[in-house]
PDB file of N, CA and C in Angstrom:
ATOM      1  N   MET A   1     126.020  88.060  79.414  1.00  0.00           N
ATOM      2  CA  MET A   1     124.818  88.655  79.971  1.00  0.00           C
ATOM      3  C   MET A   1     125.144  89.199  81.352  1.00  0.00           C
ATOM      4  N   THR A   2     124.719  90.401  81.622  1.00  0.00           N
ATOM      5  CA  THR A   2     124.914  90.982  82.942  1.00  0.00           C
ATOM      6  C   THR A   2     123.601  90.943  83.700  1.00  0.00           C
ATOM      7  N   ILE A   3     123.678  90.404  84.907  1.00  0.00           N
ATOM      8  CA  ILE A   3     122.490  90.167  85.718  1.00  0.00           C
ATOM      9  C   ILE A   3     122.640  90.869  87.056  1.00  0.00           C
ATOM     10  N   ALA A   4     121.577  91.532  87.491  1.00  0.00           N
ATOM     11  CA  ALA A   4     121.530  92.111  88.833  1.00  0.00           C
ATOM     12  C   ALA A   4     120.422  91.413  89.606  1.00  0.00           C
ATOM     13  N   ILE A   5     120.709  91.073  90.842  1.00  0.00           N
ATOM     14  CA  ILE A   5     119.710  90.496  91.732  1.00  0.00           C
ATOM     15  C   ILE A   5     119.475  91.496  92.850  1.00  0.00           C
ATOM     16  N   ILE A   6     118.270  92.050  92.891  1.00  0.00           N
ATOM     17  CA  ILE A   6     117.930  93.053  93.902  1.00  0.00           C
ATOM     18  C   ILE A   6     117.107  92.382  94.989  1.00  0.00           C
ATOM     19  N   GLN A   7     117.590  92.499  96.204  1.00  0.00           N
ATOM     20  CA  GLN A   7     116.890  91.976  97.372  1.00  0.00           C
ATOM     21  C   GLN A   7     116.331  93.162  98.163  1.00  0.00           C
ATOM     22  N   THR A   8     115.026  93.130  98.478  1.00  0.00           N
ATOM     23  CA  THR A   8     114.426  94.157  99.339  1.00  0.00           C
ATOM     24  C   THR A   8     113.695  93.537 100.529  1.00  0.00           C
ATOM     25  N   ALA A   9     113.517  92.216 100.527  1.00  0.00           N
ATOM     26  CA  ALA A   9     112.795  91.540 101.609  1.00  0.00           C
ATOM     27  C   ALA A   9     113.702  91.350 102.821  1.00  0.00           C
ATOM     28  N   SER A  10     113.106  91.388 104.003  1.00  0.00           N
ATOM     29  CA  SER A  10     113.875  91.160 105.235  1.00  0.00           C
ATOM     30  C   SER A  10     114.403  89.728 105.237  1.00  0.00           C
ATOM     31  N   ALA A  11     115.416  89.495 106.045  1.00  0.00           N
ATOM     32  CA  ALA A  11     116.062  88.180 106.094  1.00  0.00           C
ATOM     33  C   ALA A  11     115.117  87.081 106.559  1.00  0.00           C
ATOM     34  N   SER A  12     114.078  87.422 107.281  1.00  0.00           N
ATOM     35  CA  SER A  12     113.134  86.415 107.762  1.00  0.00           C
ATOM     36  C   SER A  12     112.092  86.022 106.709  1.00  0.00           C
ATOM     37  N   HIS A  13     112.029  86.748 105.629  1.00  0.00           N
ATOM     38  CA  HIS A  13     111.028  86.512 104.589  1.00  0.00           C
ATOM     39  C   HIS A  13     111.534  85.473 103.595  1.00  0.00           C
ATOM     40  N   ARG A  14     110.643  84.610 103.105  1.00  0.00           N
ATOM     41  CA  ARG A  14     111.069  83.554 102.186  1.00  0.00           C
ATOM     42  C   ARG A  14     111.628  84.090 100.875  1.00  0.00           C
ATOM     43  N   GLN A  15     111.208  85.262 100.434  1.00  0.00           N
ATOM     44  CA  GLN A  15     111.750  85.830  99.193  1.00  0.00           C
ATOM     45  C   GLN A  15     113.249  86.094  99.316  1.00  0.00           C
ATOM     46  N   ALA A  16     113.714  86.427 100.523  1.00  0.00           N
ATOM     47  CA  ALA A  16     115.141  86.642 100.737  1.00  0.00           C
ATOM     48  C   ALA A  16     115.919  85.363 100.442  1.00  0.00           C
ATOM     49  N   TRP A  17     115.360  84.249 100.847  1.00  0.00           N
ATOM     50  CA  TRP A  17     116.007  82.963 100.630  1.00  0.00           C
ATOM     51  C   TRP A  17     115.944  82.547  99.165  1.00  0.00           C
ATOM     52  N   TYR A  18     114.842  82.828  98.496  1.00  0.00           N
ATOM     53  CA  TYR A  18     114.741  82.519  97.069  1.00  0.00           C
ATOM     54  C   TYR A  18     115.783  83.312  96.275  1.00  0.00           C
ATOM     55  N   GLY A  19     115.890  84.584  96.612  1.00  0.00           N
ATOM     56  CA  GLY A  19     116.875  85.428  95.935  1.00  0.00           C
ATOM     57  C   GLY A  19     118.290  84.945  96.171  1.00  0.00           C
ATOM     58  N   GLN A  20     118.562  84.540  97.401  1.00  0.00           N
ATOM     59  CA  GLN A  20     119.896  84.040  97.709  1.00  0.00           C
ATOM     60  C   GLN A  20     120.176  82.738  96.953  1.00  0.00           C
ATOM     61  N   ASP A  21     119.188  81.862  96.860  1.00  0.00           N
ATOM     62  CA  ASP A  21     119.364  80.626  96.092  1.00  0.00           C
ATOM     63  C   ASP A  21     119.712  80.925  94.634  1.00  0.00           C
ATOM     64  N   MET A  22     119.014  81.880  94.058  1.00  0.00           N
ATOM     65  CA  MET A  22     119.282  82.257  92.666  1.00  0.00           C
ATOM     66  C   MET A  22     120.694  82.838  92.539  1.00  0.00           C
ATOM     67  N   LEU A  23     121.050  83.712  93.446  1.00  0.00           N
ATOM     68  CA  LEU A  23     122.381  84.321  93.440  1.00  0.00           C
ATOM     69  C   LEU A  23     123.469  83.248  93.496  1.00  0.00           C
ATOM     70  N   LEU A  24     123.371  82.344  94.458  1.00  0.00           N
ATOM     71  CA  LEU A  24     124.405  81.327  94.621  1.00  0.00           C
ATOM     72  C   LEU A  24     124.445  80.366  93.433  1.00  0.00           C
ATOM     73  N   SER A  25     123.300  80.099  92.840  1.00  0.00           N
ATOM     74  CA  SER A  25     123.274  79.242  91.644  1.00  0.00           C
ATOM     75  C   SER A  25     124.049  79.882  90.505  1.00  0.00           C
ATOM     76  N   TRP A  26     123.768  81.145  90.255  1.00  0.00           N
ATOM     77  CA  TRP A  26     124.445  81.826  89.152  1.00  0.00           C
ATOM     78  C   TRP A  26     125.924  82.050  89.434  1.00  0.00           C
ATOM     79  N   VAL A  27     126.265  82.336  90.673  1.00  0.00           N
ATOM     80  CA  VAL A  27     127.679  82.509  91.024  1.00  0.00           C
ATOM     81  C   VAL A  27     128.437  81.206  90.794  1.00  0.00           C
ATOM     82  N   SER A  28     127.815  80.085  91.160  1.00  0.00           N
ATOM     83  CA  SER A  28     128.487  78.794  90.982  1.00  0.00           C
ATOM     84  C   SER A  28     128.688  78.452  89.505  1.00  0.00           C
ATOM     85  N   LEU A  29     127.913  79.070  88.625  1.00  0.00           N
ATOM     86  CA  LEU A  29     128.062  78.872  87.176  1.00  0.00           C
ATOM     87  C   LEU A  29     128.957  79.938  86.538  1.00  0.00           C
ATOM     88  N   ASP A  30     129.630  80.728  87.362  1.00  0.00           N
ATOM     89  CA  ASP A  30     130.521  81.803  86.900  1.00  0.00           C
ATOM     90  C   ASP A  30     129.809  82.861  86.071  1.00  0.00           C
ATOM     91  N   LEU A  31     128.528  83.115  86.350  1.00  0.00           N
ATOM     92  CA  LEU A  31     127.787  84.149  85.632  1.00  0.00           C
ATOM     93  C   LEU A  31     127.956  85.531  86.268  1.00  0.00           C
ATOM     94  N   GLU A  32     128.551  85.591  87.446  1.00  0.00           N
ATOM     95  CA  GLU A  32     128.898  86.835  88.139  1.00  0.00           C
ATOM     96  C   GLU A  32     127.736  87.823  88.264  1.00  0.00           C
ATOM     97  N   PRO A  33     126.620  87.419  88.865  1.00  0.00           N
ATOM     98  CA  PRO A  33     125.518  88.365  89.063  1.00  0.00           C
ATOM     99  C   PRO A  33     125.887  89.403  90.122  1.00  0.00           C
ATOM    100  N   GLN A  34     125.315  90.584  89.977  1.00  0.00           N
ATOM    101  CA  GLN A  34     125.546  91.665  90.943  1.00  0.00           C
ATOM    102  C   GLN A  34     124.441  91.625  91.995  1.00  0.00           C
ATOM    103  N   LEU A  35     124.815  91.427  93.249  1.00  0.00           N
ATOM    104  CA  LEU A  35     123.852  91.459  94.352  1.00  0.00           C
ATOM    105  C   LEU A  35     123.645  92.901  94.785  1.00  0.00           C
ATOM    106  N   VAL A  36     122.367  93.294  94.911  1.00  0.00           N
ATOM    107  CA  VAL A  36     121.997  94.637  95.366  1.00  0.00           C
ATOM    108  C   VAL A  36     121.049  94.470  96.547  1.00  0.00           C
ATOM    109  N   LEU A  37     121.406  95.036  97.691  1.00  0.00           N
ATOM    110  CA  LEU A  37     120.568  94.959  98.886  1.00  0.00           C
ATOM    111  C   LEU A  37     120.006  96.347  99.191  1.00  0.00           C
ATOM    112  N   CYS A  38     118.680  96.420  99.301  1.00  0.00           N
ATOM    113  CA  CYS A  38     117.989  97.685  99.571  1.00  0.00           C
ATOM    114  C   CYS A  38     116.972  97.484 100.696  1.00  0.00           C
ATOM    115  N   VAL A  39     116.552  98.561 101.284  1.00  0.00           N
ATOM    116  CA  VAL A  39     115.467  98.602 102.257  1.00  0.00           C
ATOM    117  C   VAL A  39     115.752  97.614 103.390  1.00  0.00           C
ATOM    118  N   ASP A  40     114.833  96.683 103.657  1.00  0.00           N
ATOM    119  CA  ASP A  40     114.993  95.725 104.758  1.00  0.00           C
ATOM    120  C   ASP A  40     116.090  94.702 104.510  1.00  0.00           C
ATOM    121  N   ALA A  41     116.475  94.503 103.277  1.00  0.00           N
ATOM    122  CA  ALA A  41     117.491  93.500 102.940  1.00  0.00           C
ATOM    123  C   ALA A  41     118.899  93.932 103.333  1.00  0.00           C
ATOM    124  N   ILE A  42     119.096  95.168 103.672  1.00  0.00           N
ATOM    125  CA  ILE A  42     120.428  95.628 104.087  1.00  0.00           C
ATOM    126  C   ILE A  42     120.957  94.774 105.236  1.00  0.00           C
ATOM    127  N   ASP A  43     120.055  94.347 106.118  1.00  0.00           N
ATOM    128  CA  ASP A  43     120.481  93.559 107.273  1.00  0.00           C
ATOM    129  C   ASP A  43     120.944  92.154 106.916  1.00  0.00           C
ATOM    130  N   HIS A  44     120.747  91.702 105.691  1.00  0.00           N
ATOM    131  CA  HIS A  44     121.221  90.374 105.299  1.00  0.00           C
ATOM    132  C   HIS A  44     122.714  90.222 105.580  1.00  0.00           C
ATOM    133  N   LEU A  45     123.460  91.292 105.422  1.00  0.00           N
ATOM    134  CA  LEU A  45     124.918  91.227 105.562  1.00  0.00           C
ATOM    135  C   LEU A  45     125.448  91.947 106.792  1.00  0.00           C
ATOM    136  N   ARG A  46     124.564  92.403 107.666  1.00  0.00           N
ATOM    137  CA  ARG A  46     125.017  93.108 108.873  1.00  0.00           C
ATOM    138  C   ARG A  46     125.322  92.125 109.994  1.00  0.00           C
ATOM    139  N   VAL A  47     126.417  92.357 110.677  1.00  0.00           N
ATOM    140  CA  VAL A  47     126.819  91.531 111.816  1.00  0.00           C
ATOM    141  C   VAL A  47     125.690  91.513 112.844  1.00  0.00           C
ATOM    142  N   GLY A  48     125.374  90.327 113.352  1.00  0.00           N
ATOM    143  CA  GLY A  48     124.360  90.184 114.391  1.00  0.00           C
ATOM    144  C   GLY A  48     122.934  90.121 113.884  1.00  0.00           C
ATOM    145  N   CYS A  49     122.732  90.063 112.574  1.00  0.00           N
ATOM    146  CA  CYS A  49     121.372  90.050 112.005  1.00  0.00           C
ATOM    147  C   CYS A  49     121.077  88.755 111.260  1.00  0.00           C
ATOM    148  N   ASP A  50     121.756  87.683 111.613  1.00  0.00           N
ATOM    149  CA  ASP A  50     121.576  86.419 110.899  1.00  0.00           C
ATOM    150  C   ASP A  50     120.187  85.828 111.147  1.00  0.00           C
ATOM    151  N   GLN A  51     119.695  85.085 110.170  1.00  0.00           N
ATOM    152  CA  GLN A  51     118.428  84.359 110.258  1.00  0.00           C
ATOM    153  C   GLN A  51     118.680  82.897 109.905  1.00  0.00           C
ATOM    154  N   LEU A  52     117.971  82.005 110.579  1.00  0.00           N
ATOM    155  CA  LEU A  52     118.056  80.585 110.284  1.00  0.00           C
ATOM    156  C   LEU A  52     116.748  80.127 109.668  1.00  0.00           C
ATOM    157  N   ARG A  53     116.858  79.228 108.707  1.00  0.00           N
ATOM    158  CA  ARG A  53     115.677  78.632 108.096  1.00  0.00           C
ATOM    159  C   ARG A  53     116.023  77.182 107.762  1.00  0.00           C
ATOM    160  N   HIS A  54     115.256  76.267 108.298  1.00  0.00           N
ATOM    161  CA  HIS A  54     115.503  74.836 108.111  1.00  0.00           C
ATOM    162  C   HIS A  54     116.938  74.478 108.500  1.00  0.00           C
ATOM    163  N   GLY A  55     117.426  75.097 109.561  1.00  0.00           N
ATOM    164  CA  GLY A  55     118.761  74.798 110.062  1.00  0.00           C
ATOM    165  C   GLY A  55     119.896  75.426 109.274  1.00  0.00           C
ATOM    166  N   LYS A  56     119.587  76.288 108.311  1.00  0.00           N
ATOM    167  CA  LYS A  56     120.621  76.936 107.493  1.00  0.00           C
ATOM    168  C   LYS A  56     120.719  78.409 107.845  1.00  0.00           C
ATOM    169  N   SER A  57     121.938  78.908 107.857  1.00  0.00           N
ATOM    170  CA  SER A  57     122.206  80.303 108.171  1.00  0.00           C
ATOM    171  C   SER A  57     122.250  81.129 106.886  1.00  0.00           C
ATOM    172  N   LEU A  58     121.439  82.181 106.833  1.00  0.00           N
ATOM    173  CA  LEU A  58     121.442  83.072 105.676  1.00  0.00           C
ATOM    174  C   LEU A  58     122.833  83.692 105.490  1.00  0.00           C
ATOM    175  N   GLN A  59     123.440  84.135 106.582  1.00  0.00           N
ATOM    176  CA  GLN A  59     124.722  84.819 106.467  1.00  0.00           C
ATOM    177  C   GLN A  59     125.870  83.875 106.113  1.00  0.00           C
ATOM    178  N   LYS A  60     125.870  82.664 106.624  1.00  0.00           N
ATOM    179  CA  LYS A  60     126.933  81.721 106.249  1.00  0.00           C
ATOM    180  C   LYS A  60     126.864  81.409 104.761  1.00  0.00           C
ATOM    181  N   ARG A  61     125.645  81.351 104.236  1.00  0.00           N
ATOM    182  CA  ARG A  61     125.492  81.108 102.801  1.00  0.00           C
ATOM    183  C   ARG A  61     125.981  82.310 101.990  1.00  0.00           C
ATOM    184  N   TYR A  62     125.735  83.528 102.468  1.00  0.00           N
ATOM    185  CA  TYR A  62     126.266  84.713 101.770  1.00  0.00           C
ATOM    186  C   TYR A  62     127.791  84.730 101.813  1.00  0.00           C
ATOM    187  N   GLN A  63     128.374  84.209 102.871  1.00  0.00           N
ATOM    188  CA  GLN A  63     129.832  84.190 102.963  1.00  0.00           C
ATOM    189  C   GLN A  63     130.458  83.294 101.900  1.00  0.00           C
ATOM    190  N   LEU A  64     129.671  82.411 101.293  1.00  0.00           N
ATOM    191  CA  LEU A  64     130.165  81.593 100.186  1.00  0.00           C
ATOM    192  C   LEU A  64     130.582  82.448  98.995  1.00  0.00           C
ATOM    193  N   LEU A  65     130.051  83.666  98.894  1.00  0.00           N
ATOM    194  CA  LEU A  65     130.420  84.548  97.782  1.00  0.00           C
ATOM    195  C   LEU A  65     131.922  84.795  97.736  1.00  0.00           C
ATOM    196  N   GLU A  66     132.555  84.754  98.900  1.00  0.00           N
ATOM    197  CA  GLU A  66     133.994  84.998  98.946  1.00  0.00           C
ATOM    198  C   GLU A  66     134.798  83.858  98.315  1.00  0.00           C
ATOM    199  N   LEU A  67     134.194  82.689  98.144  1.00  0.00           N
ATOM    200  CA  LEU A  67     134.871  81.554  97.519  1.00  0.00           C
ATOM    201  C   LEU A  67     134.860  81.643  95.996  1.00  0.00           C
ATOM    202  N   TYR A  68     133.999  82.482  95.466  1.00  0.00           N
ATOM    203  CA  TYR A  68     133.840  82.635  94.023  1.00  0.00           C
ATOM    204  C   TYR A  68     134.354  84.009  93.596  1.00  0.00           C
ATOM    205  N   ASP A  69     134.401  84.199  92.300  1.00  0.00           N
ATOM    206  CA  ASP A  69     134.807  85.493  91.754  1.00  0.00           C
ATOM    207  C   ASP A  69     133.567  86.371  91.587  1.00  0.00           C
ATOM    208  N   ALA A  70     132.818  86.537  92.673  1.00  0.00           N
ATOM    209  CA  ALA A  70     131.567  87.300  92.639  1.00  0.00           C
ATOM    210  C   ALA A  70     131.855  88.788  92.848  1.00  0.00           C
ATOM    211  N   PRO A  71     131.087  89.636  92.193  1.00  0.00           N
ATOM    212  CA  PRO A  71     131.249  91.077  92.418  1.00  0.00           C
ATOM    213  C   PRO A  71     130.912  91.449  93.870  1.00  0.00           C
ATOM    214  N   THR A  72     131.521  92.488  94.345  1.00  0.00           N
ATOM    215  CA  THR A  72     131.231  92.986  95.685  1.00  0.00           C
ATOM    216  C   THR A  72     129.771  93.435  95.740  1.00  0.00           C
ATOM    217  N   PRO A  73     129.005  92.950  96.734  1.00  0.00           N
ATOM    218  CA  PRO A  73     127.592  93.355  96.837  1.00  0.00           C
ATOM    219  C   PRO A  73     127.450  94.864  97.033  1.00  0.00           C
ATOM    220  N   TRP A  74     126.390  95.415  96.472  1.00  0.00           N
ATOM    221  CA  TRP A  74     126.068  96.825  96.666  1.00  0.00           C
ATOM    222  C   TRP A  74     124.989  96.929  97.732  1.00  0.00           C
ATOM    223  N   VAL A  75     125.211  97.795  98.686  1.00  0.00           N
ATOM    224  CA  VAL A  75     124.216  98.096  99.712  1.00  0.00           C
ATOM    225  C   VAL A  75     123.745  99.523  99.446  1.00  0.00           C
ATOM    226  N   VAL A  76     122.431  99.670  99.249  1.00  0.00           N
ATOM    227  CA  VAL A  76     121.877 100.953  98.836  1.00  0.00           C
ATOM    228  C   VAL A  76     121.175 101.634 100.005  1.00  0.00           C
ATOM    229  N   HIS A  77     121.674 102.788 100.362  1.00  0.00           N
ATOM    230  CA  HIS A  77     120.991 103.643 101.336  1.00  0.00           C
ATOM    231  C   HIS A  77     121.550 105.040 101.210  1.00  0.00           C
ATOM    232  N   ASP A  78     120.765 106.000 101.601  1.00  0.00           N
ATOM    233  CA  ASP A  78     121.147 107.397 101.431  1.00  0.00           C
ATOM    234  C   ASP A  78     121.518 108.062 102.754  1.00  0.00           C
ATOM    235  N   LEU A  79     121.767 107.261 103.771  1.00  0.00           N
ATOM    236  CA  LEU A  79     122.126 107.797 105.077  1.00  0.00           C
ATOM    237  C   LEU A  79     123.627 107.722 105.267  1.00  0.00           C
ATOM    238  N   GLU A  80     124.065 107.943 106.461  1.00  0.00           N
ATOM    239  CA  GLU A  80     125.484 107.892 106.802  1.00  0.00           C
ATOM    240  C   GLU A  80     126.048 106.493 106.531  1.00  0.00           C
ATOM    241  N   LEU A  81     127.291 106.435 106.072  1.00  0.00           N
ATOM    242  CA  LEU A  81     127.916 105.147 105.777  1.00  0.00           C
ATOM    243  C   LEU A  81     128.044 104.307 107.045  1.00  0.00           C
ATOM    244  N   ILE A  82     127.861 103.014 106.900  1.00  0.00           N
ATOM    245  CA  ILE A  82     127.988 102.069 108.001  1.00  0.00           C
ATOM    246  C   ILE A  82     129.430 101.569 108.004  1.00  0.00           C
ATOM    247  N   PRO A  83     130.092 101.536 109.166  1.00  0.00           N
ATOM    248  CA  PRO A  83     131.499 101.097 109.222  1.00  0.00           C
ATOM    249  C   PRO A  83     131.690  99.682 108.679  1.00  0.00           C
ATOM    250  N   ALA A  84     132.832  99.432 108.069  1.00  0.00           N
ATOM    251  CA  ALA A  84     133.143  98.132 107.469  1.00  0.00           C
ATOM    252  C   ALA A  84     133.080  96.996 108.484  1.00  0.00           C
ATOM    253  N   SER A  85     133.339  97.281 109.732  1.00  0.00           N
ATOM    254  CA  SER A  85     133.327  96.242 110.766  1.00  0.00           C
ATOM    255  C   SER A  85     131.919  95.699 111.048  1.00  0.00           C
ATOM    256  N   GLU A  86     130.891  96.375 110.548  1.00  0.00           N
ATOM    257  CA  GLU A  86     129.511  95.941 110.779  1.00  0.00           C
ATOM    258  C   GLU A  86     128.976  95.042 109.674  1.00  0.00           C
ATOM    259  N   TRP A  87     129.820  94.667 108.711  1.00  0.00           N
ATOM    260  CA  TRP A  87     129.404  93.810 107.604  1.00  0.00           C
ATOM    261  C   TRP A  87     130.084  92.455 107.721  1.00  0.00           C
ATOM    262  N   ILE A  88     129.398  91.377 107.333  1.00  0.00           N
ATOM    263  CA  ILE A  88     129.999  90.043 107.408  1.00  0.00           C
ATOM    264  C   ILE A  88     130.966  89.775 106.259  1.00  0.00           C
ATOM    265  N   ILE A  89     130.782  90.478 105.141  1.00  0.00           N
ATOM    266  CA  ILE A  89     131.687  90.407 104.000  1.00  0.00           C
ATOM    267  C   ILE A  89     131.853  91.840 103.469  1.00  0.00           C
ATOM    268  N   PRO A  90     132.871  92.092 102.664  1.00  0.00           N
ATOM    269  CA  PRO A  90     133.023  93.441 102.109  1.00  0.00           C
ATOM    270  C   PRO A  90     131.839  93.822 101.224  1.00  0.00           C
ATOM    271  N   VAL A  91     131.388  95.062 101.356  1.00  0.00           N
ATOM    272  CA  VAL A  91     130.290  95.594 100.543  1.00  0.00           C
ATOM    273  C   VAL A  91     130.684  96.958 100.013  1.00  0.00           C
ATOM    274  N   GLU A  92     129.980  97.389  98.992  1.00  0.00           N
ATOM    275  CA  GLU A  92     130.118  98.754  98.489  1.00  0.00           C
ATOM    276  C   GLU A  92     128.813  99.476  98.792  1.00  0.00           C
ATOM    277  N   GLN A  93     128.885 100.534  99.574  1.00  0.00           N
ATOM    278  CA  GLN A  93     127.696 101.289  99.937  1.00  0.00           C
ATOM    279  C   GLN A  93     127.496 102.403  98.917  1.00  0.00           C
ATOM    280  N   ILE A  94     126.290 102.424  98.318  1.00  0.00           N
ATOM    281  CA  ILE A  94     125.994 103.413  97.288  1.00  0.00           C
ATOM    282  C   ILE A  94     124.654 104.085  97.571  1.00  0.00           C
ATOM    283  N   SER A  95     124.447 105.222  96.950  1.00  0.00           N
ATOM    284  CA  SER A  95     123.176 105.941  97.101  1.00  0.00           C
ATOM    285  C   SER A  95     122.154 105.391  96.110  1.00  0.00           C
ATOM    286  N   SER A  96     120.901 105.713  96.330  1.00  0.00           N
ATOM    287  CA  SER A  96     119.852 105.262  95.404  1.00  0.00           C
ATOM    288  C   SER A  96     120.033 105.905  94.027  1.00  0.00           C
ATOM    289  N   ASN A  97     120.546 107.131  93.979  1.00  0.00           N
ATOM    290  CA  ASN A  97     120.814 107.777  92.687  1.00  0.00           C
ATOM    291  C   ASN A  97     121.897 107.029  91.914  1.00  0.00           C
ATOM    292  N   ALA A  98     122.940 106.605  92.626  1.00  0.00           N
ATOM    293  CA  ALA A  98     124.016 105.843  91.985  1.00  0.00           C
ATOM    294  C   ALA A  98     123.492 104.502  91.479  1.00  0.00           C
ATOM    295  N   LEU A  99     122.576 103.890  92.227  1.00  0.00           N
ATOM    296  CA  LEU A  99     122.014 102.612  91.798  1.00  0.00           C
ATOM    297  C   LEU A  99     121.283 102.757  90.476  1.00  0.00           C
ATOM    298  N   VAL A 100     120.483 103.777  90.345  1.00  0.00           N
ATOM    299  CA  VAL A 100     119.726 103.990  89.110  1.00  0.00           C
ATOM    300  C   VAL A 100     120.686 104.074  87.920  1.00  0.00           C
ATOM    301  N   GLN A 101     121.771 104.799  88.091  1.00  0.00           N
ATOM    302  CA  GLN A 101     122.748 104.935  87.005  1.00  0.00           C
ATOM    303  C   GLN A 101     123.429 103.607  86.694  1.00  0.00           C
ATOM    304  N   ARG A 102     123.782 102.867  87.736  1.00  0.00           N
ATOM    305  CA  ARG A 102     124.497 101.598  87.542  1.00  0.00           C
ATOM    306  C   ARG A 102     123.612 100.519  86.930  1.00  0.00           C
ATOM    307  N   LEU A 103     122.342 100.504  87.284  1.00  0.00           N
ATOM    308  CA  LEU A 103     121.455  99.468  86.751  1.00  0.00           C
ATOM    309  C   LEU A 103     121.257  99.584  85.240  1.00  0.00           C
ATOM    310  N   ALA A 104     121.560 100.737  84.701  1.00  0.00           N
ATOM    311  CA  ALA A 104     121.427 100.931  83.256  1.00  0.00           C
ATOM    312  C   ALA A 104     122.368 100.010  82.459  1.00  0.00           C
ATOM    313  N   GLN A 105     123.415  99.486  83.097  1.00  0.00           N
ATOM    314  CA  GLN A 105     124.371  98.624  82.398  1.00  0.00           C
ATOM    315  C   GLN A 105     123.960  97.149  82.375  1.00  0.00           C
ATOM    316  N   PHE A 106     122.875  96.792  83.054  1.00  0.00           N
ATOM    317  CA  PHE A 106     122.482  95.387  83.152  1.00  0.00           C
ATOM    318  C   PHE A 106     121.463  94.986  82.098  1.00  0.00           C
ATOM    319  N   ASN A 107     121.590  93.744  81.615  1.00  0.00           N
ATOM    320  CA  ASN A 107     120.632  93.193  80.649  1.00  0.00           C
ATOM    321  C   ASN A 107     119.398  92.650  81.346  1.00  0.00           C
ATOM    322  N   LYS A 108     119.581  92.042  82.503  1.00  0.00           N
ATOM    323  CA  LYS A 108     118.492  91.436  83.274  1.00  0.00           C
ATOM    324  C   LYS A 108     118.573  91.897  84.720  1.00  0.00           C
ATOM    325  N   ILE A 109     117.405  92.187  85.283  1.00  0.00           N
ATOM    326  CA  ILE A 109     117.324  92.557  86.696  1.00  0.00           C
ATOM    327  C   ILE A 109     116.246  91.691  87.322  1.00  0.00           C
ATOM    328  N   LEU A 110     116.631  90.955  88.341  1.00  0.00           N
ATOM    329  CA  LEU A 110     115.713  90.097  89.061  1.00  0.00           C
ATOM    330  C   LEU A 110     115.500  90.705  90.436  1.00  0.00           C
ATOM    331  N   HIS A 111     114.249  90.982  90.786  1.00  0.00           N
ATOM    332  CA  HIS A 111     113.928  91.677  92.030  1.00  0.00           C
ATOM    333  C   HIS A 111     113.142  90.745  92.945  1.00  0.00           C
ATOM    334  N   PHE A 112     113.697  90.461  94.113  1.00  0.00           N
ATOM    335  CA  PHE A 112     113.029  89.649  95.129  1.00  0.00           C
ATOM    336  C   PHE A 112     112.532  90.591  96.212  1.00  0.00           C
ATOM    337  N   ASN A 113     111.206  90.724  96.295  1.00  0.00           N
ATOM    338  CA  ASN A 113     110.630  91.709  97.208  1.00  0.00           C
ATOM    339  C   ASN A 113     109.623  91.056  98.148  1.00  0.00           C
ATOM    340  N   PRO A 114     109.271  91.746  99.222  1.00  0.00           N
ATOM    341  CA  PRO A 114     108.430  91.146 100.260  1.00  0.00           C
ATOM    342  C   PRO A 114     106.970  90.939  99.891  1.00  0.00           C
ATOM    343  N   ASP A 115     106.512  91.426  98.760  1.00  0.00           N
ATOM    344  CA  ASP A 115     105.109  91.195  98.420  1.00  0.00           C
ATOM    345  C   ASP A 115     104.920  89.850  97.706  1.00  0.00           C
ATOM    346  N   ASP A 116     105.964  88.991  97.799  1.00  0.00           N
ATOM    347  CA  ASP A 116     105.942  87.635  97.270  1.00  0.00           C
ATOM    348  C   ASP A 116     105.920  87.544  95.757  1.00  0.00           C
ATOM    349  N   SER A 117     106.203  88.606  95.084  1.00  0.00           N
ATOM    350  CA  SER A 117     106.290  88.518  93.632  1.00  0.00           C
ATOM    351  C   SER A 117     107.739  88.769  93.215  1.00  0.00           C
ATOM    352  N   THR A 118     108.267  87.866  92.455  1.00  0.00           N
ATOM    353  CA  THR A 118     109.596  88.032  91.907  1.00  0.00           C
ATOM    354  C   THR A 118     109.429  88.586  90.506  1.00  0.00           C
ATOM    355  N   ARG A 119     110.131  89.651  90.215  1.00  0.00           N
ATOM    356  CA  ARG A 119     109.991  90.274  88.906  1.00  0.00           C
ATOM    357  C   ARG A 119     111.298  90.179  88.144  1.00  0.00           C
ATOM    358  N   LEU A 120     111.196  89.853  86.876  1.00  0.00           N
ATOM    359  CA  LEU A 120     112.335  89.843  85.985  1.00  0.00           C
ATOM    360  C   LEU A 120     112.123  90.957  84.986  1.00  0.00           C
ATOM    361  N   ALA A 121     113.108  91.812  84.875  1.00  0.00           N
ATOM    362  CA  ALA A 121     112.977  92.937  83.956  1.00  0.00           C
ATOM    363  C   ALA A 121     114.061  92.866  82.897  1.00  0.00           C
ATOM    364  N   ASP A 122     113.675  93.026  81.656  1.00  0.00           N
ATOM    365  CA  ASP A 122     114.637  93.235  80.577  1.00  0.00           C
ATOM    366  C   ASP A 122     114.879  94.732  80.528  1.00  0.00           C
ATOM    367  N   VAL A 123     116.131  95.078  80.572  1.00  0.00           N
ATOM    368  CA  VAL A 123     116.469  96.499  80.579  1.00  0.00           C
ATOM    369  C   VAL A 123     116.816  96.946  79.191  1.00  0.00           C
TER     370      VAL A 123
END
């Protein structure tokens, strides 16, 4: 099964943490979900944009992805590319058009968004 986890909530929002929990759970089970960061979630992996919640660092937890055989996260934006030195881990920067094409290959898409609703889509 191919799974994509789309994050659009800012790092300070609880949905960002729920999405990260799901991502790390599936990665630890070797399910290799694809992390997709869009809109406000782009800052989840940007240097200097860390958030703490209950004494835990969002970015330190994302750095755990490097310990597993997790796919490189996709960062979606249609502006100028952000230099690699501004990311806490390696990312692949793609356009929104490329995302639409790539999502067609996934069986399940889980979207964590700031309106507090998590959506699961069968593709």
